[in-house]
Amino acid sequence: MTVTHVQLVSVPVSDQDRARDFYLDVLDFDLIFDNPMGPDGSRWIQVAPKGAATALTLVTWFPTMAPGSLKGLVLETDDLDADAARLRERGVDLPDGGIQIAPWGRYITFHDPDGNGIVLQSTRV
């Protein structure tokens, strides 16, 4: 096999505009695409962390992927303390009480507007 990287991860959402706004305005992701897709009004919305090789598509068209069913989307940060503070300032609930410590590093957990589970971590090197 000649796989070089993960290109896309589909994130199941109920409202593409609300999800796009969250990933752009709260997580500071870049908008890669927001294009019409098909005759039914669907859109291809693709977002990514600045400079990342892997992007997210905000999908509504997979019947087997209920909005909020994605768990364990892991994002890496160089400054977990500042990012946790920014998320709180932007109204994001950190349900586990804030920064958690594990043998491999530190992390916080939170959810996007549909309930998809996100982990923001700072890995020890």
PDB file of N, CA and C in Angstrom:
ATOM      1  N   MET A   1       0.839  -1.184   0.000  1.00  0.00           N
ATOM      2  CA  MET A   1       0.000   0.000   0.000  1.00  0.00           C
ATOM      3  C   MET A   1       0.878   1.239   0.000  1.00  0.00           C
ATOM      4  N   THR A   2       0.360   2.289  -0.582  1.00  0.00           N
ATOM      5  CA  THR A   2       1.124   3.531  -0.673  1.00  0.00           C
ATOM      6  C   THR A   2       0.389   4.714  -0.051  1.00  0.00           C
ATOM      7  N   VAL A   3      -0.353   4.446   1.030  1.00  0.00           N
ATOM      8  CA  VAL A   3      -1.087   5.505   1.721  1.00  0.00           C
ATOM      9  C   VAL A   3      -0.074   6.476   2.330  1.00  0.00           C
ATOM     10  N   THR A   4      -0.297   7.764   2.119  1.00  0.00           N
ATOM     11  CA  THR A   4       0.632   8.774   2.647  1.00  0.00           C
ATOM     12  C   THR A   4       0.086   9.556   3.829  1.00  0.00           C
ATOM     13  N   HIS A   5      -1.242   9.686   3.922  1.00  0.00           N
ATOM     14  CA  HIS A   5      -1.836  10.397   5.054  1.00  0.00           C
ATOM     15  C   HIS A   5      -3.350  10.251   5.033  1.00  0.00           C
ATOM     16  N   VAL A   6      -3.975  10.643   6.119  1.00  0.00           N
ATOM     17  CA  VAL A   6      -5.433  10.708   6.157  1.00  0.00           C
ATOM     18  C   VAL A   6      -5.817  12.052   5.560  1.00  0.00           C
ATOM     19  N   GLN A   7      -6.658  12.048   4.530  1.00  0.00           N
ATOM     20  CA  GLN A   7      -7.041  13.285   3.862  1.00  0.00           C
ATOM     21  C   GLN A   7      -8.250  13.933   4.525  1.00  0.00           C
ATOM     22  N   LEU A   8      -9.317  13.138   4.756  1.00  0.00           N
ATOM     23  CA  LEU A   8     -10.575  13.678   5.262  1.00  0.00           C
ATOM     24  C   LEU A   8     -11.143  12.811   6.370  1.00  0.00           C
ATOM     25  N   VAL A   9     -11.823  13.455   7.291  1.00  0.00           N
ATOM     26  CA  VAL A   9     -12.640  12.775   8.287  1.00  0.00           C
ATOM     27  C   VAL A   9     -14.022  13.402   8.196  1.00  0.00           C
ATOM     28  N   SER A  10     -15.054  12.588   8.043  1.00  0.00           N
ATOM     29  CA  SER A  10     -16.418  13.095   7.960  1.00  0.00           C
ATOM     30  C   SER A  10     -16.983  13.279   9.364  1.00  0.00           C
ATOM     31  N   VAL A  11     -17.501  14.476   9.620  1.00  0.00           N
ATOM     32  CA  VAL A  11     -18.105  14.809  10.909  1.00  0.00           C
ATOM     33  C   VAL A  11     -19.608  14.970  10.674  1.00  0.00           C
ATOM     34  N   PRO A  12     -20.445  14.099  11.278  1.00  0.00           N
ATOM     35  CA  PRO A  12     -21.874  14.164  11.043  1.00  0.00           C
ATOM     36  C   PRO A  12     -22.528  15.306  11.836  1.00  0.00           C
ATOM     37  N   VAL A  13     -23.202  16.201  11.112  1.00  0.00           N
ATOM     38  CA  VAL A  13     -23.828  17.365  11.735  1.00  0.00           C
ATOM     39  C   VAL A  13     -25.273  17.490  11.270  1.00  0.00           C
ATOM     40  N   SER A  14     -26.066  18.235  12.011  1.00  0.00           N
ATOM     41  CA  SER A  14     -27.466  18.449  11.625  1.00  0.00           C
ATOM     42  C   SER A  14     -27.642  19.766  10.870  1.00  0.00           C
ATOM     43  N   ASP A  15     -26.797  20.740  11.143  1.00  0.00           N
ATOM     44  CA  ASP A  15     -26.900  22.063  10.529  1.00  0.00           C
ATOM     45  C   ASP A  15     -25.506  22.473  10.062  1.00  0.00           C
ATOM     46  N   GLN A  16     -25.278  22.446   8.766  1.00  0.00           N
ATOM     47  CA  GLN A  16     -23.935  22.722   8.241  1.00  0.00           C
ATOM     48  C   GLN A  16     -23.470  24.141   8.536  1.00  0.00           C
ATOM     49  N   ASP A  17     -24.369  25.105   8.487  1.00  0.00           N
ATOM     50  CA  ASP A  17     -23.963  26.483   8.772  1.00  0.00           C
ATOM     51  C   ASP A  17     -23.517  26.646  10.216  1.00  0.00           C
ATOM     52  N   ARG A  18     -24.289  26.106  11.143  1.00  0.00           N
ATOM     53  CA  ARG A  18     -23.928  26.185  12.567  1.00  0.00           C
ATOM     54  C   ARG A  18     -22.605  25.472  12.825  1.00  0.00           C
ATOM     55  N   ALA A  19     -22.418  24.298  12.235  1.00  0.00           N
ATOM     56  CA  ALA A  19     -21.174  23.546  12.409  1.00  0.00           C
ATOM     57  C   ALA A  19     -19.987  24.301  11.802  1.00  0.00           C
ATOM     58  N   ARG A  20     -20.173  24.823  10.590  1.00  0.00           N
ATOM     59  CA  ARG A  20     -19.103  25.597   9.948  1.00  0.00           C
ATOM     60  C   ARG A  20     -18.699  26.772  10.828  1.00  0.00           C
ATOM     61  N   ASP A  21     -19.670  27.501  11.348  1.00  0.00           N
ATOM     62  CA  ASP A  21     -19.364  28.643  12.207  1.00  0.00           C
ATOM     63  C   ASP A  21     -18.588  28.219  13.443  1.00  0.00           C
ATOM     64  N   PHE A  22     -18.944  27.084  14.047  1.00  0.00           N
ATOM     65  CA  PHE A  22     -18.230  26.594  15.222  1.00  0.00           C
ATOM     66  C   PHE A  22     -16.769  26.282  14.884  1.00  0.00           C
ATOM     67  N   TYR A  23     -16.557  25.523  13.820  1.00  0.00           N
ATOM     68  CA  TYR A  23     -15.187  25.132  13.483  1.00  0.00           C
ATOM     69  C   TYR A  23     -14.348  26.327  13.037  1.00  0.00           C
ATOM     70  N   LEU A  24     -14.964  27.308  12.389  1.00  0.00           N
ATOM     71  CA  LEU A  24     -14.217  28.493  11.954  1.00  0.00           C
ATOM     72  C   LEU A  24     -14.053  29.505  13.083  1.00  0.00           C
ATOM     73  N   ASP A  25     -15.140  29.853  13.763  1.00  0.00           N
ATOM     74  CA  ASP A  25     -15.108  30.946  14.726  1.00  0.00           C
ATOM     75  C   ASP A  25     -14.641  30.533  16.115  1.00  0.00           C
ATOM     76  N   VAL A  26     -14.920  29.313  16.517  1.00  0.00           N
ATOM     77  CA  VAL A  26     -14.536  28.854  17.854  1.00  0.00           C
ATOM     78  C   VAL A  26     -13.182  28.152  17.822  1.00  0.00           C
ATOM     79  N   LEU A  27     -12.989  27.261  16.845  1.00  0.00           N
ATOM     80  CA  LEU A  27     -11.728  26.507  16.785  1.00  0.00           C
ATOM     81  C   LEU A  27     -10.684  27.146  15.878  1.00  0.00           C
ATOM     82  N   ASP A  28     -11.036  28.229  15.202  1.00  0.00           N
ATOM     83  CA  ASP A  28     -10.103  28.955  14.319  1.00  0.00           C
ATOM     84  C   ASP A  28      -9.603  28.125  13.152  1.00  0.00           C
ATOM     85  N   PHE A  29     -10.408  27.179  12.676  1.00  0.00           N
ATOM     86  CA  PHE A  29     -10.051  26.411  11.491  1.00  0.00           C
ATOM     87  C   PHE A  29     -10.178  27.292  10.253  1.00  0.00           C
ATOM     88  N   ASP A  30      -9.544  26.877   9.172  1.00  0.00           N
ATOM     89  CA  ASP A  30      -9.691  27.531   7.877  1.00  0.00           C
ATOM     90  C   ASP A  30     -10.812  26.861   7.097  1.00  0.00           C
ATOM     91  N   LEU A  31     -11.517  27.663   6.296  1.00  0.00           N
ATOM     92  CA  LEU A  31     -12.518  27.125   5.380  1.00  0.00           C
ATOM     93  C   LEU A  31     -11.810  26.754   4.088  1.00  0.00           C
ATOM     94  N   ILE A  32     -11.867  25.478   3.726  1.00  0.00           N
ATOM     95  CA  ILE A  32     -11.230  24.986   2.501  1.00  0.00           C
ATOM     96  C   ILE A  32     -12.219  25.057   1.341  1.00  0.00           C
ATOM     97  N   PHE A  33     -13.423  24.514   1.556  1.00  0.00           N
ATOM     98  CA  PHE A  33     -14.482  24.541   0.549  1.00  0.00           C
ATOM     99  C   PHE A  33     -15.832  24.759   1.209  1.00  0.00           C
ATOM    100  N   ASP A  34     -16.706  25.452   0.534  1.00  0.00           N
ATOM    101  CA  ASP A  34     -18.131  25.519   0.867  1.00  0.00           C
ATOM    102  C   ASP A  34     -18.842  25.622  -0.477  1.00  0.00           C
ATOM    103  N   ASN A  35     -19.108  24.459  -1.078  1.00  0.00           N
ATOM    104  CA  ASN A  35     -19.639  24.396  -2.438  1.00  0.00           C
ATOM    105  C   ASN A  35     -20.927  23.596  -2.492  1.00  0.00           C
ATOM    106  N   PRO A  36     -21.828  23.973  -3.418  1.00  0.00           N
ATOM    107  CA  PRO A  36     -23.027  23.161  -3.635  1.00  0.00           C
ATOM    108  C   PRO A  36     -22.632  21.746  -4.067  1.00  0.00           C
ATOM    109  N   MET A  37     -23.469  20.780  -3.672  1.00  0.00           N
ATOM    110  CA  MET A  37     -23.169  19.393  -4.011  1.00  0.00           C
ATOM    111  C   MET A  37     -24.480  18.678  -4.299  1.00  0.00           C
ATOM    112  N   GLY A  38     -24.832  18.557  -5.544  1.00  0.00           N
ATOM    113  CA  GLY A  38     -26.039  17.841  -5.923  1.00  0.00           C
ATOM    114  C   GLY A  38     -27.263  18.733  -5.965  1.00  0.00           C
ATOM    115  N   PRO A  39     -28.352  18.175  -6.496  1.00  0.00           N
ATOM    116  CA  PRO A  39     -29.571  18.954  -6.724  1.00  0.00           C
ATOM    117  C   PRO A  39     -30.417  19.169  -5.465  1.00  0.00           C
ATOM    118  N   ASP A  40     -30.103  18.485  -4.369  1.00  0.00           N
ATOM    119  CA  ASP A  40     -30.976  18.551  -3.188  1.00  0.00           C
ATOM    120  C   ASP A  40     -30.589  19.653  -2.200  1.00  0.00           C
ATOM    121  N   GLY A  41     -29.659  20.526  -2.573  1.00  0.00           N
ATOM    122  CA  GLY A  41     -29.247  21.607  -1.683  1.00  0.00           C
ATOM    123  C   GLY A  41     -28.117  21.243  -0.742  1.00  0.00           C
ATOM    124  N   SER A  42     -27.591  20.027  -0.858  1.00  0.00           N
ATOM    125  CA  SER A  42     -26.452  19.640  -0.017  1.00  0.00           C
ATOM    126  C   SER A  42     -25.238  20.477  -0.364  1.00  0.00           C
ATOM    127  N   ARG A  43     -24.347  20.592   0.587  1.00  0.00           N
ATOM    128  CA  ARG A  43     -23.110  21.345   0.361  1.00  0.00           C
ATOM    129  C   ARG A  43     -21.919  20.526   0.811  1.00  0.00           C
ATOM    130  N   TRP A  44     -20.807  20.745   0.144  1.00  0.00           N
ATOM    131  CA  TRP A  44     -19.532  20.159   0.529  1.00  0.00           C
ATOM    132  C   TRP A  44     -18.801  21.244   1.312  1.00  0.00           C
ATOM    133  N   ILE A  45     -18.787  21.076   2.641  1.00  0.00           N
ATOM    134  CA  ILE A  45     -18.082  22.023   3.505  1.00  0.00           C
ATOM    135  C   ILE A  45     -16.893  21.293   4.095  1.00  0.00           C
ATOM    136  N   GLN A  46     -15.730  21.828   3.829  1.00  0.00           N
ATOM    137  CA  GLN A  46     -14.483  21.227   4.286  1.00  0.00           C
ATOM    138  C   GLN A  46     -13.707  22.277   5.064  1.00  0.00           C
ATOM    139  N   VAL A  47     -13.297  21.927   6.284  1.00  0.00           N
ATOM    140  CA  VAL A  47     -12.548  22.820   7.160  1.00  0.00           C
ATOM    141  C   VAL A  47     -11.305  22.093   7.650  1.00  0.00           C
ATOM    142  N   ALA A  48     -10.314  22.864   8.085  1.00  0.00           N
ATOM    143  CA  ALA A  48      -9.083  22.238   8.572  1.00  0.00           C
ATOM    144  C   ALA A  48      -8.341  23.199   9.483  1.00  0.00           C
ATOM    145  N   PRO A  49      -7.575  22.656  10.439  1.00  0.00           N
ATOM    146  CA  PRO A  49      -6.670  23.516  11.193  1.00  0.00           C
ATOM    147  C   PRO A  49      -5.681  24.159  10.218  1.00  0.00           C
ATOM    148  N   LYS A  50      -5.247  25.336  10.548  1.00  0.00           N
ATOM    149  CA  LYS A  50      -4.303  26.057   9.678  1.00  0.00           C
ATOM    150  C   LYS A  50      -3.075  25.187   9.375  1.00  0.00           C
ATOM    151  N   GLY A  51      -2.802  24.978   8.094  1.00  0.00           N
ATOM    152  CA  GLY A  51      -1.628  24.223   7.670  1.00  0.00           C
ATOM    153  C   GLY A  51      -1.712  22.718   7.813  1.00  0.00           C
ATOM    154  N   ALA A  52      -2.861  22.182   8.186  1.00  0.00           N
ATOM    155  CA  ALA A  52      -2.987  20.740   8.422  1.00  0.00           C
ATOM    156  C   ALA A  52      -3.106  19.957   7.124  1.00  0.00           C
ATOM    157  N   ALA A  53      -2.639  18.714   7.134  1.00  0.00           N
ATOM    158  CA  ALA A  53      -2.776  17.820   5.989  1.00  0.00           C
ATOM    159  C   ALA A  53      -4.146  17.155   5.980  1.00  0.00           C
ATOM    160  N   THR A  54      -4.774  17.018   7.142  1.00  0.00           N
ATOM    161  CA  THR A  54      -6.068  16.355   7.246  1.00  0.00           C
ATOM    162  C   THR A  54      -7.156  17.396   7.463  1.00  0.00           C
ATOM    163  N   ALA A  55      -8.263  17.249   6.737  1.00  0.00           N
ATOM    164  CA  ALA A  55      -9.389  18.167   6.850  1.00  0.00           C
ATOM    165  C   ALA A  55     -10.622  17.414   7.346  1.00  0.00           C
ATOM    166  N   LEU A  56     -11.627  18.178   7.737  1.00  0.00           N
ATOM    167  CA  LEU A  56     -12.914  17.626   8.145  1.00  0.00           C
ATOM    168  C   LEU A  56     -13.970  18.039   7.131  1.00  0.00           C
ATOM    169  N   THR A  57     -14.869  17.123   6.794  1.00  0.00           N
ATOM    170  CA  THR A  57     -16.048  17.469   6.012  1.00  0.00           C
ATOM    171  C   THR A  57     -17.237  17.429   6.959  1.00  0.00           C
ATOM    172  N   LEU A  58     -18.081  18.438   6.866  1.00  0.00           N
ATOM    173  CA  LEU A  58     -19.253  18.546   7.733  1.00  0.00           C
ATOM    174  C   LEU A  58     -20.440  17.990   6.955  1.00  0.00           C
ATOM    175  N   VAL A  59     -20.810  16.743   7.273  1.00  0.00           N
ATOM    176  CA  VAL A  59     -21.738  15.990   6.431  1.00  0.00           C
ATOM    177  C   VAL A  59     -23.121  15.847   7.056  1.00  0.00           C
ATOM    178  N   THR A  60     -24.126  15.843   6.166  1.00  0.00           N
ATOM    179  CA  THR A  60     -25.512  15.625   6.582  1.00  0.00           C
ATOM    180  C   THR A  60     -26.160  14.484   5.806  1.00  0.00           C
ATOM    181  N   TRP A  61     -25.449  13.895   4.876  1.00  0.00           N
ATOM    182  CA  TRP A  61     -26.084  12.996   3.909  1.00  0.00           C
ATOM    183  C   TRP A  61     -25.834  11.512   4.140  1.00  0.00           C
ATOM    184  N   PHE A  62     -25.191  11.111   5.217  1.00  0.00           N
ATOM    185  CA  PHE A  62     -24.984   9.690   5.493  1.00  0.00           C
ATOM    186  C   PHE A  62     -26.009   9.213   6.515  1.00  0.00           C
ATOM    187  N   PRO A  63     -27.001   8.431   6.111  1.00  0.00           N
ATOM    188  CA  PRO A  63     -28.039   8.010   7.062  1.00  0.00           C
ATOM    189  C   PRO A  63     -27.493   7.168   8.218  1.00  0.00           C
ATOM    190  N   THR A  64     -26.361   6.523   8.025  1.00  0.00           N
ATOM    191  CA  THR A  64     -25.808   5.698   9.103  1.00  0.00           C
ATOM    192  C   THR A  64     -24.926   6.504  10.057  1.00  0.00           C
ATOM    193  N   MET A  65     -24.746   7.800   9.778  1.00  0.00           N
ATOM    194  CA  MET A  65     -23.937   8.662  10.646  1.00  0.00           C
ATOM    195  C   MET A  65     -24.837   9.741  11.241  1.00  0.00           C
ATOM    196  N   ALA A  66     -25.404   9.455  12.391  1.00  0.00           N
ATOM    197  CA  ALA A  66     -26.291  10.418  13.041  1.00  0.00           C
ATOM    198  C   ALA A  66     -25.485  11.623  13.529  1.00  0.00           C
ATOM    199  N   PRO A  67     -26.049  12.830  13.427  1.00  0.00           N
ATOM    200  CA  PRO A  67     -25.362  14.000  13.956  1.00  0.00           C
ATOM    201  C   PRO A  67     -24.968  13.768  15.419  1.00  0.00           C
ATOM    202  N   GLY A  68     -23.734  14.100  15.737  1.00  0.00           N
ATOM    203  CA  GLY A  68     -23.237  13.932  17.097  1.00  0.00           C
ATOM    204  C   GLY A  68     -22.680  12.557  17.409  1.00  0.00           C
ATOM    205  N   SER A  69     -22.654  11.656  16.435  1.00  0.00           N
ATOM    206  CA  SER A  69     -22.225  10.279  16.707  1.00  0.00           C
ATOM    207  C   SER A  69     -20.710  10.086  16.650  1.00  0.00           C
ATOM    208  N   LEU A  70     -19.964  11.077  16.190  1.00  0.00           N
ATOM    209  CA  LEU A  70     -18.502  10.947  16.140  1.00  0.00           C
ATOM    210  C   LEU A  70     -17.937  11.204  17.532  1.00  0.00           C
ATOM    211  N   LYS A  71     -17.137  10.293  18.008  1.00  0.00           N
ATOM    212  CA  LYS A  71     -16.488  10.452  19.316  1.00  0.00           C
ATOM    213  C   LYS A  71     -14.993  10.225  19.141  1.00  0.00           C
ATOM    214  N   GLY A  72     -14.191  10.977  19.869  1.00  0.00           N
ATOM    215  CA  GLY A  72     -12.759  10.744  19.862  1.00  0.00           C
ATOM    216  C   GLY A  72     -12.002  11.434  18.749  1.00  0.00           C
ATOM    217  N   LEU A  73     -12.537  12.542  18.224  1.00  0.00           N
ATOM    218  CA  LEU A  73     -11.758  13.341  17.277  1.00  0.00           C
ATOM    219  C   LEU A  73     -10.673  14.038  18.091  1.00  0.00           C
ATOM    220  N   VAL A  74      -9.418  13.713  17.823  1.00  0.00           N
ATOM    221  CA  VAL A  74      -8.311  14.217  18.637  1.00  0.00           C
ATOM    222  C   VAL A  74      -7.543  15.287  17.874  1.00  0.00           C
ATOM    223  N   LEU A  75      -7.421  16.456  18.485  1.00  0.00           N
ATOM    224  CA  LEU A  75      -6.678  17.581  17.934  1.00  0.00           C
ATOM    225  C   LEU A  75      -5.480  17.851  18.821  1.00  0.00           C
ATOM    226  N   GLU A  76      -4.379  18.234  18.232  1.00  0.00           N
ATOM    227  CA  GLU A  76      -3.143  18.518  18.978  1.00  0.00           C
ATOM    228  C   GLU A  76      -2.947  20.028  19.058  1.00  0.00           C
ATOM    229  N   THR A  77      -2.450  20.500  20.193  1.00  0.00           N
ATOM    230  CA  THR A  77      -2.148  21.915  20.384  1.00  0.00           C
ATOM    231  C   THR A  77      -0.770  22.087  21.023  1.00  0.00           C
ATOM    232  N   ASP A  78      -0.165  23.242  20.760  1.00  0.00           N
ATOM    233  CA  ASP A  78       1.111  23.585  21.401  1.00  0.00           C
ATOM    234  C   ASP A  78       0.904  24.361  22.691  1.00  0.00           C
ATOM    235  N   ASP A  79      -0.335  24.846  22.945  1.00  0.00           N
ATOM    236  CA  ASP A  79      -0.604  25.654  24.134  1.00  0.00           C
ATOM    237  C   ASP A  79      -1.988  25.332  24.678  1.00  0.00           C
ATOM    238  N   LEU A  80      -2.067  24.239  25.394  1.00  0.00           N
ATOM    239  CA  LEU A  80      -3.347  23.767  25.906  1.00  0.00           C
ATOM    240  C   LEU A  80      -3.959  24.762  26.886  1.00  0.00           C
ATOM    241  N   ASP A  81      -3.165  25.373  27.730  1.00  0.00           N
ATOM    242  CA  ASP A  81      -3.706  26.311  28.718  1.00  0.00           C
ATOM    243  C   ASP A  81      -4.397  27.487  28.037  1.00  0.00           C
ATOM    244  N   ALA A  82      -3.742  28.098  27.074  1.00  0.00           N
ATOM    245  CA  ALA A  82      -4.325  29.248  26.371  1.00  0.00           C
ATOM    246  C   ALA A  82      -5.542  28.821  25.563  1.00  0.00           C
ATOM    247  N   ASP A  83      -5.474  27.662  24.912  1.00  0.00           N
ATOM    248  CA  ASP A  83      -6.604  27.210  24.107  1.00  0.00           C
ATOM    249  C   ASP A  83      -7.811  26.868  24.982  1.00  0.00           C
ATOM    250  N   ALA A  84      -7.578  26.259  26.141  1.00  0.00           N
ATOM    251  CA  ALA A  84      -8.685  25.970  27.058  1.00  0.00           C
ATOM    252  C   ALA A  84      -9.349  27.267  27.513  1.00  0.00           C
ATOM    253  N   ALA A  85      -8.550  28.286  27.821  1.00  0.00           N
ATOM    254  CA  ALA A  85      -9.096  29.583  28.229  1.00  0.00           C
ATOM    255  C   ALA A  85      -9.898  30.208  27.089  1.00  0.00           C
ATOM    256  N   ARG A  86      -9.377  30.141  25.862  1.00  0.00           N
ATOM    257  CA  ARG A  86     -10.092  30.694  24.702  1.00  0.00           C
ATOM    258  C   ARG A  86     -11.421  29.976  24.472  1.00  0.00           C
ATOM    259  N   LEU A  87     -11.416  28.662  24.605  1.00  0.00           N
ATOM    260  CA  LEU A  87     -12.659  27.907  24.419  1.00  0.00           C
ATOM    261  C   LEU A  87     -13.701  28.326  25.451  1.00  0.00           C
ATOM    262  N   ARG A  88     -13.285  28.474  26.703  1.00  0.00           N
ATOM    263  CA  ARG A  88     -14.226  28.927  27.741  1.00  0.00           C
ATOM    264  C   ARG A  88     -14.757  30.314  27.419  1.00  0.00           C
ATOM    265  N   GLU A  89     -13.866  31.221  26.992  1.00  0.00           N
ATOM    266  CA  GLU A  89     -14.282  32.581  26.625  1.00  0.00           C
ATOM    267  C   GLU A  89     -15.296  32.566  25.486  1.00  0.00           C
ATOM    268  N   ARG A  90     -15.191  31.575  24.617  1.00  0.00           N
ATOM    269  CA  ARG A  90     -16.081  31.469  23.464  1.00  0.00           C
ATOM    270  C   ARG A  90     -17.322  30.641  23.767  1.00  0.00           C
ATOM    271  N   GLY A  91     -17.524  30.335  25.047  1.00  0.00           N
ATOM    272  CA  GLY A  91     -18.747  29.673  25.480  1.00  0.00           C
ATOM    273  C   GLY A  91     -18.757  28.165  25.402  1.00  0.00           C
ATOM    274  N   VAL A  92     -17.592  27.542  25.224  1.00  0.00           N
ATOM    275  CA  VAL A  92     -17.535  26.084  25.134  1.00  0.00           C
ATOM    276  C   VAL A  92     -17.437  25.495  26.534  1.00  0.00           C
ATOM    277  N   ASP A  93     -18.318  24.551  26.829  1.00  0.00           N
ATOM    278  CA  ASP A  93     -18.306  23.849  28.107  1.00  0.00           C
ATOM    279  C   ASP A  93     -17.220  22.773  28.076  1.00  0.00           C
ATOM    280  N   LEU A  94     -16.394  22.757  29.110  1.00  0.00           N
ATOM    281  CA  LEU A  94     -15.383  21.702  29.265  1.00  0.00           C
ATOM    282  C   LEU A  94     -15.899  20.769  30.348  1.00  0.00           C
ATOM    283  N   PRO A  95     -16.655  19.737  29.957  1.00  0.00           N
ATOM    284  CA  PRO A  95     -17.430  18.949  30.910  1.00  0.00           C
ATOM    285  C   PRO A  95     -16.628  18.157  31.936  1.00  0.00           C
ATOM    286  N   ASP A  96     -15.383  17.851  31.668  1.00  0.00           N
ATOM    287  CA  ASP A  96     -14.598  17.065  32.628  1.00  0.00           C
ATOM    288  C   ASP A  96     -13.876  17.952  33.634  1.00  0.00           C
ATOM    289  N   GLY A  97     -14.257  19.223  33.716  1.00  0.00           N
ATOM    290  CA  GLY A  97     -13.671  20.104  34.713  1.00  0.00           C
ATOM    291  C   GLY A  97     -12.392  20.791  34.269  1.00  0.00           C
ATOM    292  N   GLY A  98     -12.108  20.756  33.011  1.00  0.00           N
ATOM    293  CA  GLY A  98     -10.908  21.435  32.525  1.00  0.00           C
ATOM    294  C   GLY A  98      -9.808  20.469  32.152  1.00  0.00           C
ATOM    295  N   ILE A  99      -8.580  20.906  32.353  1.00  0.00           N
ATOM    296  CA  ILE A  99      -7.420  20.137  31.890  1.00  0.00           C
ATOM    297  C   ILE A  99      -7.231  18.877  32.726  1.00  0.00           C
ATOM    298  N   GLN A 100      -7.116  17.768  32.016  1.00  0.00           N
ATOM    299  CA  GLN A 100      -6.854  16.465  32.624  1.00  0.00           C
ATOM    300  C   GLN A 100      -5.396  16.080  32.351  1.00  0.00           C
ATOM    301  N   ILE A 101      -4.830  15.283  33.248  1.00  0.00           N
ATOM    302  CA  ILE A 101      -3.439  14.846  33.095  1.00  0.00           C
ATOM    303  C   ILE A 101      -3.419  13.336  32.909  1.00  0.00           C
ATOM    304  N   ALA A 102      -2.648  12.893  31.919  1.00  0.00           N
ATOM    305  CA  ALA A 102      -2.476  11.468  31.633  1.00  0.00           C
ATOM    306  C   ALA A 102      -0.982  11.193  31.480  1.00  0.00           C
ATOM    307  N   PRO A 103      -0.570   9.942  31.512  1.00  0.00           N
ATOM    308  CA  PRO A 103       0.853   9.634  31.363  1.00  0.00           C
ATOM    309  C   PRO A 103       1.445  10.136  30.041  1.00  0.00           C
ATOM    310  N   TRP A 104       0.636  10.258  29.013  1.00  0.00           N
ATOM    311  CA  TRP A 104       1.112  10.657  27.687  1.00  0.00           C
ATOM    312  C   TRP A 104       1.042  12.161  27.459  1.00  0.00           C
ATOM    313  N   GLY A 105       0.388  12.915  28.363  1.00  0.00           N
ATOM    314  CA  GLY A 105       0.283  14.361  28.183  1.00  0.00           C
ATOM    315  C   GLY A 105      -0.920  14.930  28.908  1.00  0.00           C
ATOM    316  N   ARG A 106      -1.392  16.090  28.457  1.00  0.00           N
ATOM    317  CA  ARG A 106      -2.531  16.782  29.064  1.00  0.00           C
ATOM    318  C   ARG A 106      -3.608  16.979  27.997  1.00  0.00           C
ATOM    319  N   TYR A 107      -4.881  17.070  28.436  1.00  0.00           N
ATOM    320  CA  TYR A 107      -5.955  17.181  27.456  1.00  0.00           C
ATOM    321  C   TYR A 107      -7.211  17.780  28.083  1.00  0.00           C
ATOM    322  N   ILE A 108      -8.098  18.246  27.217  1.00  0.00           N
ATOM    323  CA  ILE A 108      -9.450  18.634  27.593  1.00  0.00           C
ATOM    324  C   ILE A 108     -10.407  17.951  26.630  1.00  0.00           C
ATOM    325  N   THR A 109     -11.629  17.789  27.058  1.00  0.00           N
ATOM    326  CA  THR A 109     -12.655  17.247  26.176  1.00  0.00           C
ATOM    327  C   THR A 109     -13.802  18.247  26.090  1.00  0.00           C
ATOM    328  N   PHE A 110     -14.463  18.258  24.937  1.00  0.00           N
ATOM    329  CA  PHE A 110     -15.624  19.115  24.734  1.00  0.00           C
ATOM    330  C   PHE A 110     -16.389  18.586  23.531  1.00  0.00           C
ATOM    331  N   HIS A 111     -17.487  19.253  23.197  1.00  0.00           N
ATOM    332  CA  HIS A 111     -18.341  18.812  22.094  1.00  0.00           C
ATOM    333  C   HIS A 111     -18.612  19.961  21.140  1.00  0.00           C
ATOM    334  N   ASP A 112     -18.813  19.603  19.873  1.00  0.00           N
ATOM    335  CA  ASP A 112     -19.275  20.613  18.912  1.00  0.00           C
ATOM    336  C   ASP A 112     -20.781  20.795  19.129  1.00  0.00           C
ATOM    337  N   PRO A 113     -21.435  21.697  18.408  1.00  0.00           N
ATOM    338  CA  PRO A 113     -22.859  21.954  18.655  1.00  0.00           C
ATOM    339  C   PRO A 113     -23.770  20.736  18.496  1.00  0.00           C
ATOM    340  N   ASP A 114     -23.353  19.725  17.744  1.00  0.00           N
ATOM    341  CA  ASP A 114     -24.169  18.523  17.581  1.00  0.00           C
ATOM    342  C   ASP A 114     -23.855  17.448  18.605  1.00  0.00           C
ATOM    343  N   GLY A 115     -22.813  17.627  19.401  1.00  0.00           N
ATOM    344  CA  GLY A 115     -22.440  16.622  20.383  1.00  0.00           C
ATOM    345  C   GLY A 115     -21.317  15.707  19.947  1.00  0.00           C
ATOM    346  N   ASN A 116     -20.691  15.986  18.799  1.00  0.00           N
ATOM    347  CA  ASN A 116     -19.516  15.205  18.408  1.00  0.00           C
ATOM    348  C   ASN A 116     -18.414  15.458  19.429  1.00  0.00           C
ATOM    349  N   GLY A 117     -17.793  14.377  19.914  1.00  0.00           N
ATOM    350  CA  GLY A 117     -16.797  14.485  20.966  1.00  0.00           C
ATOM    351  C   GLY A 117     -15.417  14.838  20.448  1.00  0.00           C
ATOM    352  N   ILE A 118     -14.814  15.856  21.054  1.00  0.00           N
ATOM    353  CA  ILE A 118     -13.503  16.334  20.634  1.00  0.00           C
ATOM    354  C   ILE A 118     -12.557  16.306  21.821  1.00  0.00           C
ATOM    355  N   VAL A 119     -11.330  15.861  21.577  1.00  0.00           N
ATOM    356  CA  VAL A 119     -10.259  15.901  22.558  1.00  0.00           C
ATOM    357  C   VAL A 119      -9.203  16.862  22.032  1.00  0.00           C
ATOM    358  N   LEU A 120      -8.825  17.835  22.843  1.00  0.00           N
ATOM    359  CA  LEU A 120      -7.729  18.733  22.503  1.00  0.00           C
ATOM    360  C   LEU A 120      -6.605  18.390  23.442  1.00  0.00           C
ATOM    361  N   GLN A 121      -5.478  17.982  22.877  1.00  0.00           N
ATOM    362  CA  GLN A 121      -4.390  17.480  23.706  1.00  0.00           C
ATOM    363  C   GLN A 121      -3.078  18.155  23.422  1.00  0.00           C
ATOM    364  N   SER A 122      -2.218  18.066  24.411  1.00  0.00           N
ATOM    365  CA  SER A 122      -0.830  18.489  24.293  1.00  0.00           C
ATOM    366  C   SER A 122       0.002  17.279  24.709  1.00  0.00           C
ATOM    367  N   THR A 123       0.577  16.614  23.729  1.00  0.00           N
ATOM    368  CA  THR A 123       1.292  15.368  23.968  1.00  0.00           C
ATOM    369  C   THR A 123       2.697  15.643  24.482  1.00  0.00           C
ATOM    370  N   ARG A 124       3.100  14.874  25.468  1.00  0.00           N
ATOM    371  CA  ARG A 124       4.498  14.949  25.911  1.00  0.00           C
ATOM    372  C   ARG A 124       5.389  14.314  24.871  1.00  0.00           C
ATOM    373  N   VAL A 125       6.499  14.936  24.629  1.00  0.00           N
ATOM    374  CA  VAL A 125       7.417  14.387  23.647  1.00  0.00           C
ATOM    375  C   VAL A 125       8.622  13.802  24.315  1.00  0.00           C
TER     376      VAL A 125
END
